[in-house]
Structure formats: C-alpha cells, structure tokens
Amino acid sequence: MPDSRRARLCGRLGAARERRVVRDQETTAATRDRAGHESLPRGEPSRLPRGRAALRARWRRLRDPLSLYLAVAAGSVLGGVLRASASAAVHALAGPGFPLGTLFVNVVGSFVIGFYATLTGPDGRAFVSARQRQFVMTGICGGFTTFSVFSLETFRLIESGRLPAAGMNIGISIVAWLAAVWLGHAIASRINRIGGN
C-alpha cells in the first residue's frame, strides 16, 4: 500500500475515533445531567420552586382553620336571622309579658343540637365532616339560641318586682332545655340503632 494511501486511511480512522470519543463524552455528560435533575424532588429543581412549595404548604395549613371559621361565621349569621324571625313571631302571637320567644328558640336550639350531635357522632348514622358539624352546632345552633337575652329578660323581671315570673322563667327554661336536648338525643339514638340493624 502506498504511503499516501496509508496516511489517508490512518487520518480517517483517527478522525472517526475522535468523533466517537466526543460523542461518548457528550452522552456521559447528558446522562449525568439527567440523573442529577431526577434526583431533585419533583417540582423543586431550583430554590424558587422550593419557595413556592413552602408557600403552598403554609397556605394549606392556614386554609383549613380559615374555612372552619368561615363556616362557623356563616352558620352564626343564618342562626341569628332565624332566631330573630322566630322570636318575633312568637312574641307577636303570645303578646308581651312572659319571654316566651326566647324560651322557644332556646328549647328548639337545644333539641336540634342534641339530635344533630348524636346523629353525626362517632356512633351516628350520618357521616359529616368536622366543618359541617361546626357549621350546624357552633354556627346555626349557637346563633339561634341566646343565653344573654335570657339573662337580660330574667333580670328585667326581677328589677320590675316580678319575682315569681323570674323564678318561673329560670325553672322552666332549665328544665325545658335539658328535656329538649335529651329528646333530640333519644330520637337520634333510635335512628342510629335502626340504621345499624
């Protein structure tokens, strides 16, 4: 083989080896880059996404109690409106004198909370979230019933010298509240037993 031809052949082989070495180096570098990228937590390839993930986690921690407070607030508004309407209706029917409107709303609220608490409790038939329970029990029932108005009306009866009426209001209210809670609990317990059979 002439020297010139051998030199050209060696040159081609050398160039091919160089291209193969460069290609192997590029493949190795790409593999390292891909492996390093996959080793990072998904969605957090840099400091900025990590900061966003922390903000999202912080918002989730704040969102749960915030939604609970909003549910209680909404229930309180609804319960307050219902109480004002019911109390005014009873007062219009019964007339002034004995505070039957306040007695009515407190008895109804006591029945509802006794019934709902038992029906949605750990052994209850109805499965609801903690937010829903707070919406009904703390929000609606809390806004619908009123111990402060009961106290004020009883005080006014005492102040006006109507001690028998004040004592009757206290006695009837306490007995009626407890009886209403017990009745609601008993009915819900019966429903729970029927559902479990």
N, C-alpha and C. Protein backbone atom coordinates (compact mmCIF):
# COMPACT_ATOMS: atom_id res chain seq x y z
N MET A 1 0.87 -1.19 0.00
CA MET A 1 0.00 0.00 0.00
C MET A 1 0.90 1.24 0.00
N PRO A 2 0.62 2.18 -0.91
CA PRO A 2 1.46 3.39 -0.95
C PRO A 2 1.34 4.16 0.35
N ASP A 3 2.40 4.91 0.62
CA ASP A 3 2.42 5.67 1.87
C ASP A 3 1.31 6.72 1.92
N SER A 4 1.02 7.35 0.79
CA SER A 4 -0.02 8.39 0.79
C SER A 4 -1.39 7.80 1.10
N ARG A 5 -1.63 6.61 0.55
CA ARG A 5 -2.94 5.97 0.81
C ARG A 5 -3.04 5.53 2.26
N ARG A 6 -1.91 4.99 2.78
CA ARG A 6 -1.91 4.57 4.19
C ARG A 6 -2.13 5.78 5.10
N ALA A 7 -1.54 6.90 4.76
CA ALA A 7 -1.69 8.10 5.59
C ALA A 7 -3.14 8.58 5.59
N ARG A 8 -3.80 8.54 4.37
CA ARG A 8 -5.20 8.96 4.33
C ARG A 8 -6.08 8.04 5.16
N LEU A 9 -5.79 6.73 5.09
CA LEU A 9 -6.59 5.76 5.86
C LEU A 9 -6.40 5.97 7.36
N CYS A 10 -5.17 6.20 7.78
CA CYS A 10 -4.92 6.47 9.20
C CYS A 10 -5.61 7.75 9.65
N GLY A 11 -5.63 8.75 8.76
CA GLY A 11 -6.30 10.00 9.12
C GLY A 11 -7.79 9.81 9.31
N ARG A 12 -8.41 8.99 8.39
CA ARG A 12 -9.85 8.75 8.53
C ARG A 12 -10.15 8.01 9.83
N LEU A 13 -9.31 6.99 10.15
CA LEU A 13 -9.52 6.21 11.38
C LEU A 13 -9.36 7.09 12.61
N GLY A 14 -8.36 7.98 12.58
CA GLY A 14 -8.15 8.87 13.72
C GLY A 14 -9.32 9.83 13.91
N ALA A 15 -9.82 10.37 12.78
CA ALA A 15 -10.97 11.28 12.88
C ALA A 15 -12.20 10.56 13.41
N ALA A 16 -12.40 9.31 12.95
CA ALA A 16 -13.55 8.53 13.44
C ALA A 16 -13.44 8.27 14.93
N ARG A 17 -12.21 7.95 15.39
CA ARG A 17 -12.03 7.72 16.83
C ARG A 17 -12.30 8.99 17.62
N GLU A 18 -11.86 10.13 17.11
CA GLU A 18 -12.10 11.39 17.81
C GLU A 18 -13.59 11.70 17.91
N ARG A 19 -14.33 11.46 16.78
CA ARG A 19 -15.77 11.71 16.81
C ARG A 19 -16.47 10.80 17.82
N ARG A 20 -16.00 9.52 17.87
CA ARG A 20 -16.61 8.58 18.81
C ARG A 20 -16.33 8.99 20.24
N VAL A 21 -15.12 9.47 20.52
CA VAL A 21 -14.77 9.91 21.87
C VAL A 21 -15.61 11.11 22.28
N VAL A 22 -15.76 12.08 21.34
CA VAL A 22 -16.57 13.26 21.63
C VAL A 22 -18.02 12.87 21.88
N ARG A 23 -18.54 11.94 21.04
CA ARG A 23 -19.93 11.51 21.20
C ARG A 23 -20.13 10.80 22.54
N ASP A 24 -19.16 9.97 22.92
CA ASP A 24 -19.26 9.28 24.22
C ASP A 24 -19.22 10.27 25.38
N GLN A 25 -18.38 11.29 25.26
CA GLN A 25 -18.31 12.30 26.32
C GLN A 25 -19.62 13.07 26.44
N GLU A 26 -20.21 13.43 25.28
CA GLU A 26 -21.49 14.14 25.31
C GLU A 26 -22.59 13.28 25.92
N THR A 27 -22.60 11.98 25.56
CA THR A 27 -23.62 11.08 26.13
C THR A 27 -23.46 10.94 27.63
N THR A 28 -22.20 10.83 28.08
CA THR A 28 -21.95 10.71 29.52
C THR A 28 -22.38 11.96 30.26
N ALA A 29 -22.10 13.13 29.70
CA ALA A 29 -22.48 14.38 30.35
C ALA A 29 -24.00 14.53 30.41
N ALA A 30 -24.67 14.15 29.30
CA ALA A 30 -26.13 14.24 29.30
C ALA A 30 -26.75 13.29 30.33
N THR A 31 -26.15 12.10 30.45
CA THR A 31 -26.66 11.14 31.44
C THR A 31 -26.49 11.67 32.85
N ARG A 32 -25.32 12.30 33.12
CA ARG A 32 -25.10 12.87 34.45
C ARG A 32 -26.09 13.99 34.73
N ASP A 33 -26.33 14.85 33.73
CA ASP A 33 -27.27 15.95 33.93
C ASP A 33 -28.68 15.42 34.20
N ARG A 34 -29.09 14.40 33.44
CA ARG A 34 -30.43 13.86 33.63
C ARG A 34 -30.56 13.19 34.99
N ALA A 35 -29.53 12.48 35.41
CA ALA A 35 -29.56 11.83 36.73
C ALA A 35 -29.59 12.85 37.84
N GLY A 36 -28.82 13.93 37.70
CA GLY A 36 -28.83 14.97 38.72
C GLY A 36 -30.16 15.68 38.79
N HIS A 37 -30.80 15.87 37.61
CA HIS A 37 -32.11 16.54 37.62
C HIS A 37 -33.17 15.65 38.25
N GLU A 38 -33.14 14.34 37.96
CA GLU A 38 -34.14 13.44 38.52
C GLU A 38 -33.95 13.22 40.00
N SER A 39 -32.75 13.47 40.52
CA SER A 39 -32.53 13.28 41.95
C SER A 39 -33.17 14.37 42.78
N LEU A 40 -33.51 15.51 42.13
CA LEU A 40 -34.18 16.59 42.85
C LEU A 40 -35.64 16.23 43.06
N PRO A 41 -36.27 16.71 44.13
CA PRO A 41 -37.70 16.48 44.32
C PRO A 41 -38.49 17.03 43.14
N ARG A 42 -39.51 16.29 42.73
CA ARG A 42 -40.29 16.70 41.59
C ARG A 42 -40.95 18.05 41.87
N GLY A 43 -40.86 18.93 40.90
CA GLY A 43 -41.44 20.25 41.08
C GLY A 43 -40.56 21.21 41.84
N GLU A 44 -39.32 20.77 42.25
CA GLU A 44 -38.44 21.65 43.00
C GLU A 44 -37.02 21.63 42.42
N PRO A 45 -36.83 21.96 41.11
CA PRO A 45 -35.50 21.93 40.53
C PRO A 45 -34.62 23.09 40.95
N SER A 46 -35.16 24.08 41.61
CA SER A 46 -34.35 25.23 42.00
C SER A 46 -34.91 25.81 43.27
N ARG A 47 -34.27 26.85 43.74
CA ARG A 47 -34.69 27.45 45.01
C ARG A 47 -36.05 28.12 44.89
N LEU A 48 -36.37 28.69 43.72
CA LEU A 48 -37.64 29.39 43.57
C LEU A 48 -38.83 28.46 43.70
N PRO A 49 -38.85 27.29 42.98
CA PRO A 49 -39.97 26.37 43.19
C PRO A 49 -40.05 25.85 44.61
N ARG A 50 -38.90 25.66 45.27
CA ARG A 50 -38.95 25.21 46.66
C ARG A 50 -39.65 26.25 47.51
N GLY A 51 -39.39 27.52 47.25
CA GLY A 51 -40.07 28.58 47.99
C GLY A 51 -41.57 28.58 47.73
N ARG A 52 -41.94 28.33 46.46
CA ARG A 52 -43.36 28.27 46.14
C ARG A 52 -44.02 27.08 46.82
N ALA A 53 -43.32 25.95 46.87
CA ALA A 53 -43.88 24.79 47.55
C ALA A 53 -44.08 25.06 49.03
N ALA A 54 -43.14 25.78 49.64
CA ALA A 54 -43.29 26.13 51.06
C ALA A 54 -44.48 27.06 51.27
N LEU A 55 -44.67 28.00 50.32
CA LEU A 55 -45.83 28.89 50.43
C LEU A 55 -47.14 28.13 50.29
N ARG A 56 -47.15 27.16 49.35
CA ARG A 56 -48.37 26.37 49.19
C ARG A 56 -48.66 25.56 50.44
N ALA A 57 -47.62 24.96 51.04
CA ALA A 57 -47.82 24.19 52.27
C ALA A 57 -48.31 25.08 53.40
N ARG A 58 -47.74 26.28 53.49
CA ARG A 58 -48.19 27.21 54.53
C ARG A 58 -49.64 27.63 54.30
N TRP A 59 -50.02 27.85 53.05
CA TRP A 59 -51.40 28.23 52.76
C TRP A 59 -52.36 27.10 53.11
N ARG A 60 -51.95 25.84 52.84
CA ARG A 60 -52.81 24.71 53.20
C ARG A 60 -53.02 24.64 54.70
N ARG A 61 -51.97 24.95 55.47
CA ARG A 61 -52.11 24.94 56.94
C ARG A 61 -53.05 26.04 57.41
N LEU A 62 -53.05 27.18 56.72
CA LEU A 62 -53.93 28.28 57.11
C LEU A 62 -55.34 28.11 56.56
N ARG A 63 -55.45 27.40 55.43
CA ARG A 63 -56.75 27.30 54.76
C ARG A 63 -57.74 26.48 55.58
N ASP A 64 -57.30 25.40 56.22
CA ASP A 64 -58.22 24.54 56.96
C ASP A 64 -58.90 25.27 58.12
N PRO A 65 -58.13 25.91 59.04
CA PRO A 65 -58.83 26.65 60.10
C PRO A 65 -59.61 27.84 59.57
N LEU A 66 -59.13 28.46 58.49
CA LEU A 66 -59.86 29.60 57.93
C LEU A 66 -61.22 29.17 57.40
N SER A 67 -61.25 28.04 56.70
CA SER A 67 -62.54 27.55 56.19
C SER A 67 -63.46 27.16 57.33
N LEU A 68 -62.89 26.65 58.43
CA LEU A 68 -63.71 26.32 59.60
C LEU A 68 -64.34 27.57 60.20
N TYR A 69 -63.54 28.63 60.35
CA TYR A 69 -64.07 29.88 60.90
C TYR A 69 -65.13 30.49 59.99
N LEU A 70 -64.92 30.39 58.69
CA LEU A 70 -65.92 30.92 57.76
C LEU A 70 -67.22 30.14 57.84
N ALA A 71 -67.11 28.82 58.02
CA ALA A 71 -68.32 28.00 58.16
C ALA A 71 -69.08 28.37 59.43
N VAL A 72 -68.34 28.57 60.53
CA VAL A 72 -68.99 28.97 61.79
C VAL A 72 -69.64 30.34 61.64
N ALA A 73 -68.94 31.27 60.98
CA ALA A 73 -69.49 32.61 60.79
C ALA A 73 -70.77 32.57 59.95
N ALA A 74 -70.75 31.78 58.88
CA ALA A 74 -71.95 31.67 58.03
C ALA A 74 -73.10 31.06 58.81
N GLY A 75 -72.81 30.02 59.60
CA GLY A 75 -73.86 29.41 60.41
C GLY A 75 -74.40 30.36 61.46
N SER A 76 -73.52 31.17 62.04
CA SER A 76 -73.97 32.13 63.06
C SER A 76 -74.91 33.18 62.46
N VAL A 77 -74.58 33.65 61.27
CA VAL A 77 -75.45 34.62 60.59
C VAL A 77 -76.82 34.00 60.33
N LEU A 78 -76.81 32.79 59.79
CA LEU A 78 -78.07 32.11 59.50
C LEU A 78 -78.88 31.86 60.77
N GLY A 79 -78.21 31.37 61.81
CA GLY A 79 -78.90 31.13 63.07
C GLY A 79 -79.44 32.39 63.70
N GLY A 80 -78.69 33.48 63.62
CA GLY A 80 -79.16 34.74 64.18
C GLY A 80 -80.39 35.27 63.47
N VAL A 81 -80.41 35.16 62.15
CA VAL A 81 -81.58 35.61 61.39
C VAL A 81 -82.80 34.75 61.73
N LEU A 82 -82.59 33.43 61.82
CA LEU A 82 -83.70 32.54 62.18
C LEU A 82 -84.22 32.83 63.59
N ARG A 83 -83.31 33.12 64.52
CA ARG A 83 -83.73 33.42 65.89
C ARG A 83 -84.56 34.69 65.95
N ALA A 84 -84.10 35.73 65.27
CA ALA A 84 -84.84 36.99 65.28
C ALA A 84 -86.24 36.80 64.70
N SER A 85 -86.33 36.02 63.62
CA SER A 85 -87.63 35.79 62.98
C SER A 85 -88.55 34.97 63.88
N ALA A 86 -88.01 33.87 64.46
CA ALA A 86 -88.83 33.00 65.30
C ALA A 86 -89.26 33.72 66.57
N SER A 87 -88.34 34.42 67.20
CA SER A 87 -88.67 35.12 68.44
C SER A 87 -89.72 36.21 68.21
N ALA A 88 -89.59 36.92 67.10
CA ALA A 88 -90.57 37.96 66.78
C ALA A 88 -91.94 37.35 66.51
N ALA A 89 -91.97 36.20 65.83
CA ALA A 89 -93.25 35.55 65.53
C ALA A 89 -93.94 35.08 66.81
N VAL A 90 -93.18 34.47 67.72
CA VAL A 90 -93.76 34.00 68.98
C VAL A 90 -94.24 35.18 69.81
N HIS A 91 -93.45 36.24 69.84
CA HIS A 91 -93.84 37.43 70.61
C HIS A 91 -95.12 38.05 70.06
N ALA A 92 -95.27 38.03 68.73
CA ALA A 92 -96.48 38.58 68.12
C ALA A 92 -97.70 37.73 68.46
N LEU A 93 -97.51 36.42 68.56
CA LEU A 93 -98.63 35.53 68.88
C LEU A 93 -98.98 35.55 70.36
N ALA A 94 -97.96 35.52 71.22
CA ALA A 94 -98.20 35.42 72.67
C ALA A 94 -98.39 36.77 73.33
N GLY A 95 -97.88 37.82 72.72
CA GLY A 95 -98.01 39.14 73.32
C GLY A 95 -96.92 39.39 74.35
N PRO A 96 -96.83 40.61 74.88
CA PRO A 96 -95.79 40.94 75.86
C PRO A 96 -96.09 40.29 77.21
N GLY A 97 -95.07 40.34 78.04
CA GLY A 97 -95.22 39.75 79.38
C GLY A 97 -94.14 38.72 79.62
N PHE A 98 -94.53 37.47 79.60
CA PHE A 98 -93.55 36.40 79.82
C PHE A 98 -92.72 36.21 78.55
N PRO A 99 -91.38 36.05 78.68
CA PRO A 99 -90.50 35.97 77.49
C PRO A 99 -90.57 34.61 76.81
N LEU A 100 -91.70 34.32 76.17
CA LEU A 100 -91.87 33.03 75.50
C LEU A 100 -91.02 32.91 74.24
N GLY A 101 -90.74 34.04 73.57
CA GLY A 101 -89.94 33.97 72.35
C GLY A 101 -88.55 33.43 72.61
N THR A 102 -87.90 33.93 73.64
CA THR A 102 -86.56 33.44 73.99
C THR A 102 -86.62 32.00 74.47
N LEU A 103 -87.64 31.67 75.24
CA LEU A 103 -87.79 30.28 75.70
C LEU A 103 -87.96 29.34 74.51
N PHE A 104 -88.74 29.76 73.52
CA PHE A 104 -88.99 28.92 72.35
C PHE A 104 -87.70 28.65 71.57
N VAL A 105 -86.95 29.70 71.25
CA VAL A 105 -85.75 29.50 70.43
C VAL A 105 -84.70 28.68 71.19
N ASN A 106 -84.59 28.86 72.49
CA ASN A 106 -83.61 28.09 73.25
C ASN A 106 -84.00 26.62 73.34
N VAL A 107 -85.29 26.34 73.47
CA VAL A 107 -85.74 24.94 73.51
C VAL A 107 -85.53 24.27 72.15
N VAL A 108 -85.90 24.95 71.09
CA VAL A 108 -85.71 24.39 69.75
C VAL A 108 -84.23 24.18 69.46
N GLY A 109 -83.40 25.16 69.79
CA GLY A 109 -81.96 25.01 69.56
C GLY A 109 -81.37 23.87 70.37
N SER A 110 -81.84 23.68 71.59
CA SER A 110 -81.35 22.58 72.42
C SER A 110 -81.73 21.23 71.82
N PHE A 111 -82.95 21.14 71.30
CA PHE A 111 -83.37 19.90 70.65
C PHE A 111 -82.52 19.61 69.41
N VAL A 112 -82.31 20.62 68.59
CA VAL A 112 -81.56 20.44 67.34
C VAL A 112 -80.13 20.00 67.63
N ILE A 113 -79.47 20.65 68.59
CA ILE A 113 -78.08 20.30 68.85
C ILE A 113 -77.96 18.92 69.48
N GLY A 114 -78.93 18.53 70.32
CA GLY A 114 -78.91 17.19 70.87
C GLY A 114 -79.11 16.14 69.80
N PHE A 115 -80.03 16.41 68.88
CA PHE A 115 -80.32 15.48 67.79
C PHE A 115 -79.14 15.37 66.83
N TYR A 116 -78.62 16.51 66.40
CA TYR A 116 -77.56 16.52 65.38
C TYR A 116 -76.25 15.97 65.93
N ALA A 117 -75.93 16.31 67.17
CA ALA A 117 -74.68 15.82 67.76
C ALA A 117 -74.68 14.31 67.87
N THR A 118 -75.82 13.72 68.20
CA THR A 118 -75.90 12.26 68.32
C THR A 118 -75.95 11.60 66.95
N LEU A 119 -76.68 12.19 66.02
CA LEU A 119 -76.81 11.59 64.69
C LEU A 119 -75.50 11.60 63.92
N THR A 120 -74.67 12.60 64.14
CA THR A 120 -73.40 12.73 63.40
C THR A 120 -72.19 12.40 64.26
N GLY A 121 -72.41 11.83 65.43
CA GLY A 121 -71.29 11.48 66.31
C GLY A 121 -70.56 10.24 65.82
N PRO A 122 -69.58 9.76 66.60
CA PRO A 122 -68.80 8.58 66.20
C PRO A 122 -69.67 7.35 65.94
N ASP A 123 -70.74 7.18 66.69
CA ASP A 123 -71.64 6.05 66.51
C ASP A 123 -72.89 6.42 65.72
N GLY A 124 -72.88 7.59 65.12
CA GLY A 124 -74.06 8.08 64.42
C GLY A 124 -74.20 7.49 63.03
N ARG A 125 -75.41 7.61 62.51
CA ARG A 125 -75.69 7.09 61.18
C ARG A 125 -75.24 8.04 60.08
N ALA A 126 -75.26 9.32 60.35
CA ALA A 126 -74.87 10.32 59.35
C ALA A 126 -73.39 10.64 59.49
N PHE A 127 -72.67 10.59 58.37
CA PHE A 127 -71.24 10.88 58.37
C PHE A 127 -71.03 12.26 57.74
N VAL A 128 -70.56 13.18 58.54
CA VAL A 128 -70.30 14.54 58.07
C VAL A 128 -68.90 14.94 58.52
N SER A 129 -68.38 15.98 57.90
CA SER A 129 -67.05 16.48 58.25
C SER A 129 -67.12 17.32 59.52
N ALA A 130 -65.95 17.54 60.10
CA ALA A 130 -65.89 18.40 61.29
C ALA A 130 -66.35 19.81 60.97
N ARG A 131 -66.08 20.27 59.75
CA ARG A 131 -66.52 21.61 59.36
C ARG A 131 -68.04 21.69 59.31
N GLN A 132 -68.69 20.64 58.81
CA GLN A 132 -70.15 20.64 58.76
C GLN A 132 -70.76 20.60 60.17
N ARG A 133 -70.13 19.84 61.06
CA ARG A 133 -70.64 19.80 62.44
C ARG A 133 -70.53 21.17 63.10
N GLN A 134 -69.40 21.83 62.90
CA GLN A 134 -69.23 23.16 63.49
C GLN A 134 -70.19 24.17 62.86
N PHE A 135 -70.45 24.02 61.56
CA PHE A 135 -71.39 24.92 60.89
C PHE A 135 -72.77 24.83 61.52
N VAL A 136 -73.23 23.62 61.82
CA VAL A 136 -74.56 23.43 62.38
C VAL A 136 -74.58 23.71 63.88
N MET A 137 -73.64 23.07 64.62
CA MET A 137 -73.72 23.11 66.08
C MET A 137 -73.24 24.45 66.65
N THR A 138 -72.02 24.85 66.27
CA THR A 138 -71.49 26.11 66.79
C THR A 138 -72.10 27.32 66.07
N GLY A 139 -72.27 27.18 64.74
CA GLY A 139 -72.78 28.30 63.96
C GLY A 139 -74.28 28.50 64.08
N ILE A 140 -75.05 27.57 63.49
CA ILE A 140 -76.50 27.75 63.46
C ILE A 140 -77.11 27.69 64.86
N CYS A 141 -76.80 26.61 65.59
CA CYS A 141 -77.40 26.47 66.93
C CYS A 141 -76.90 27.57 67.87
N GLY A 142 -75.63 27.92 67.77
CA GLY A 142 -75.11 28.99 68.61
C GLY A 142 -75.72 30.34 68.30
N GLY A 143 -75.97 30.60 67.00
CA GLY A 143 -76.61 31.86 66.63
C GLY A 143 -78.11 31.86 66.90
N PHE A 144 -78.73 30.68 66.85
CA PHE A 144 -80.17 30.59 67.06
C PHE A 144 -80.55 30.73 68.53
N THR A 145 -79.76 30.13 69.41
CA THR A 145 -80.05 30.21 70.84
C THR A 145 -79.38 31.44 71.44
N THR A 146 -79.86 31.85 72.62
CA THR A 146 -79.29 33.05 73.25
C THR A 146 -79.45 32.97 74.76
N PHE A 147 -78.34 32.79 75.44
CA PHE A 147 -78.36 32.81 76.90
C PHE A 147 -78.32 34.25 77.41
N SER A 148 -77.70 35.13 76.65
CA SER A 148 -77.57 36.52 77.09
C SER A 148 -78.93 37.21 77.16
N VAL A 149 -79.77 36.98 76.13
CA VAL A 149 -81.11 37.59 76.16
C VAL A 149 -81.95 36.99 77.28
N PHE A 150 -81.79 35.68 77.50
CA PHE A 150 -82.49 35.04 78.62
C PHE A 150 -82.09 35.69 79.94
N SER A 151 -80.80 35.94 80.12
CA SER A 151 -80.33 36.57 81.36
C SER A 151 -80.89 37.98 81.50
N LEU A 152 -80.89 38.74 80.40
CA LEU A 152 -81.39 40.11 80.44
C LEU A 152 -82.88 40.14 80.76
N GLU A 153 -83.64 39.28 80.12
CA GLU A 153 -85.08 39.26 80.37
C GLU A 153 -85.41 38.82 81.80
N THR A 154 -84.65 37.87 82.31
CA THR A 154 -84.86 37.45 83.70
C THR A 154 -84.52 38.58 84.66
N PHE A 155 -83.43 39.28 84.38
CA PHE A 155 -83.04 40.41 85.22
C PHE A 155 -84.12 41.49 85.21
N ARG A 156 -84.69 41.77 84.06
CA ARG A 156 -85.74 42.79 83.97
C ARG A 156 -86.99 42.37 84.75
N LEU A 157 -87.29 41.08 84.76
CA LEU A 157 -88.42 40.61 85.56
C LEU A 157 -88.16 40.83 87.05
N ILE A 158 -86.93 40.55 87.47
CA ILE A 158 -86.57 40.77 88.87
C ILE A 158 -86.59 42.25 89.19
N GLU A 159 -86.05 43.07 88.30
CA GLU A 159 -85.96 44.51 88.52
C GLU A 159 -87.35 45.14 88.63
N SER A 160 -88.28 44.61 87.89
CA SER A 160 -89.65 45.16 87.92
C SER A 160 -90.48 44.59 89.07
N GLY A 161 -89.87 43.75 89.89
CA GLY A 161 -90.58 43.20 91.03
C GLY A 161 -91.39 41.96 90.75
N ARG A 162 -91.24 41.40 89.57
CA ARG A 162 -92.00 40.20 89.21
C ARG A 162 -91.16 38.95 89.53
N LEU A 163 -90.91 38.76 90.80
CA LEU A 163 -90.05 37.65 91.22
C LEU A 163 -90.64 36.29 90.87
N PRO A 164 -91.93 36.05 91.06
CA PRO A 164 -92.46 34.73 90.66
C PRO A 164 -92.27 34.45 89.17
N ALA A 165 -92.48 35.47 88.33
CA ALA A 165 -92.28 35.27 86.89
C ALA A 165 -90.81 35.01 86.57
N ALA A 166 -89.91 35.70 87.27
CA ALA A 166 -88.48 35.47 87.05
C ALA A 166 -88.09 34.06 87.46
N GLY A 167 -88.56 33.62 88.63
CA GLY A 167 -88.27 32.26 89.06
C GLY A 167 -88.85 31.22 88.13
N MET A 168 -90.06 31.48 87.64
CA MET A 168 -90.68 30.56 86.68
C MET A 168 -89.89 30.50 85.38
N ASN A 169 -89.41 31.65 84.94
CA ASN A 169 -88.63 31.69 83.70
C ASN A 169 -87.34 30.87 83.85
N ILE A 170 -86.68 31.02 84.99
CA ILE A 170 -85.44 30.27 85.22
C ILE A 170 -85.74 28.77 85.30
N GLY A 171 -86.72 28.39 86.11
CA GLY A 171 -87.02 26.97 86.29
C GLY A 171 -87.49 26.30 85.03
N ILE A 172 -88.47 26.92 84.37
CA ILE A 172 -89.00 26.32 83.14
C ILE A 172 -87.92 26.23 82.06
N SER A 173 -87.11 27.27 81.95
CA SER A 173 -86.07 27.29 80.91
C SER A 173 -85.07 26.16 81.11
N ILE A 174 -84.55 26.02 82.31
CA ILE A 174 -83.53 24.99 82.56
C ILE A 174 -84.10 23.60 82.32
N VAL A 175 -85.28 23.34 82.85
CA VAL A 175 -85.90 22.02 82.66
C VAL A 175 -86.21 21.77 81.19
N ALA A 176 -86.75 22.77 80.51
CA ALA A 176 -87.12 22.60 79.10
C ALA A 176 -85.88 22.42 78.22
N TRP A 177 -84.82 23.15 78.49
CA TRP A 177 -83.59 22.99 77.70
C TRP A 177 -83.06 21.57 77.82
N LEU A 178 -82.93 21.09 79.06
CA LEU A 178 -82.38 19.75 79.27
C LEU A 178 -83.30 18.68 78.68
N ALA A 179 -84.61 18.88 78.82
CA ALA A 179 -85.55 17.91 78.25
C ALA A 179 -85.45 17.90 76.72
N ALA A 180 -85.25 19.07 76.12
CA ALA A 180 -85.15 19.14 74.66
C ALA A 180 -83.87 18.46 74.17
N VAL A 181 -82.77 18.68 74.86
CA VAL A 181 -81.52 18.00 74.48
C VAL A 181 -81.68 16.49 74.60
N TRP A 182 -82.28 16.04 75.71
CA TRP A 182 -82.47 14.60 75.91
C TRP A 182 -83.37 14.02 74.82
N LEU A 183 -84.45 14.73 74.48
CA LEU A 183 -85.36 14.23 73.45
C LEU A 183 -84.68 14.13 72.09
N GLY A 184 -83.91 15.16 71.73
CA GLY A 184 -83.18 15.09 70.47
C GLY A 184 -82.18 13.96 70.45
N HIS A 185 -81.47 13.77 71.56
CA HIS A 185 -80.51 12.68 71.67
C HIS A 185 -81.22 11.32 71.56
N ALA A 186 -82.36 11.18 72.23
CA ALA A 186 -83.08 9.91 72.22
C ALA A 186 -83.58 9.56 70.82
N ILE A 187 -84.13 10.54 70.12
CA ILE A 187 -84.63 10.28 68.76
C ILE A 187 -83.48 9.91 67.83
N ALA A 188 -82.36 10.64 67.90
CA ALA A 188 -81.21 10.33 67.05
C ALA A 188 -80.63 8.96 67.39
N SER A 189 -80.59 8.62 68.66
CA SER A 189 -80.09 7.30 69.06
C SER A 189 -80.96 6.19 68.48
N ARG A 190 -82.26 6.42 68.48
CA ARG A 190 -83.18 5.44 67.89
C ARG A 190 -82.92 5.29 66.40
N ILE A 191 -82.71 6.39 65.72
CA ILE A 191 -82.40 6.34 64.28
C ILE A 191 -81.09 5.60 64.05
N ASN A 192 -80.10 5.85 64.89
CA ASN A 192 -78.81 5.16 64.75
C ASN A 192 -78.97 3.66 64.92
N ARG A 193 -79.78 3.24 65.86
CA ARG A 193 -79.98 1.80 66.08
C ARG A 193 -80.71 1.17 64.91
N ILE A 194 -81.69 1.90 64.37
CA ILE A 194 -82.41 1.37 63.20
C ILE A 194 -81.46 1.24 62.01
N GLY A 195 -80.61 2.23 61.82
CA GLY A 195 -79.66 2.17 60.72
C GLY A 195 -78.63 1.08 60.89
N GLY A 196 -78.30 0.73 62.13
CA GLY A 196 -77.30 -0.31 62.36
C GLY A 196 -77.83 -1.70 62.21
N ASN A 197 -79.16 -1.88 62.25
CA ASN A 197 -79.76 -3.22 62.14
C ASN A 197 -79.89 -3.65 60.69
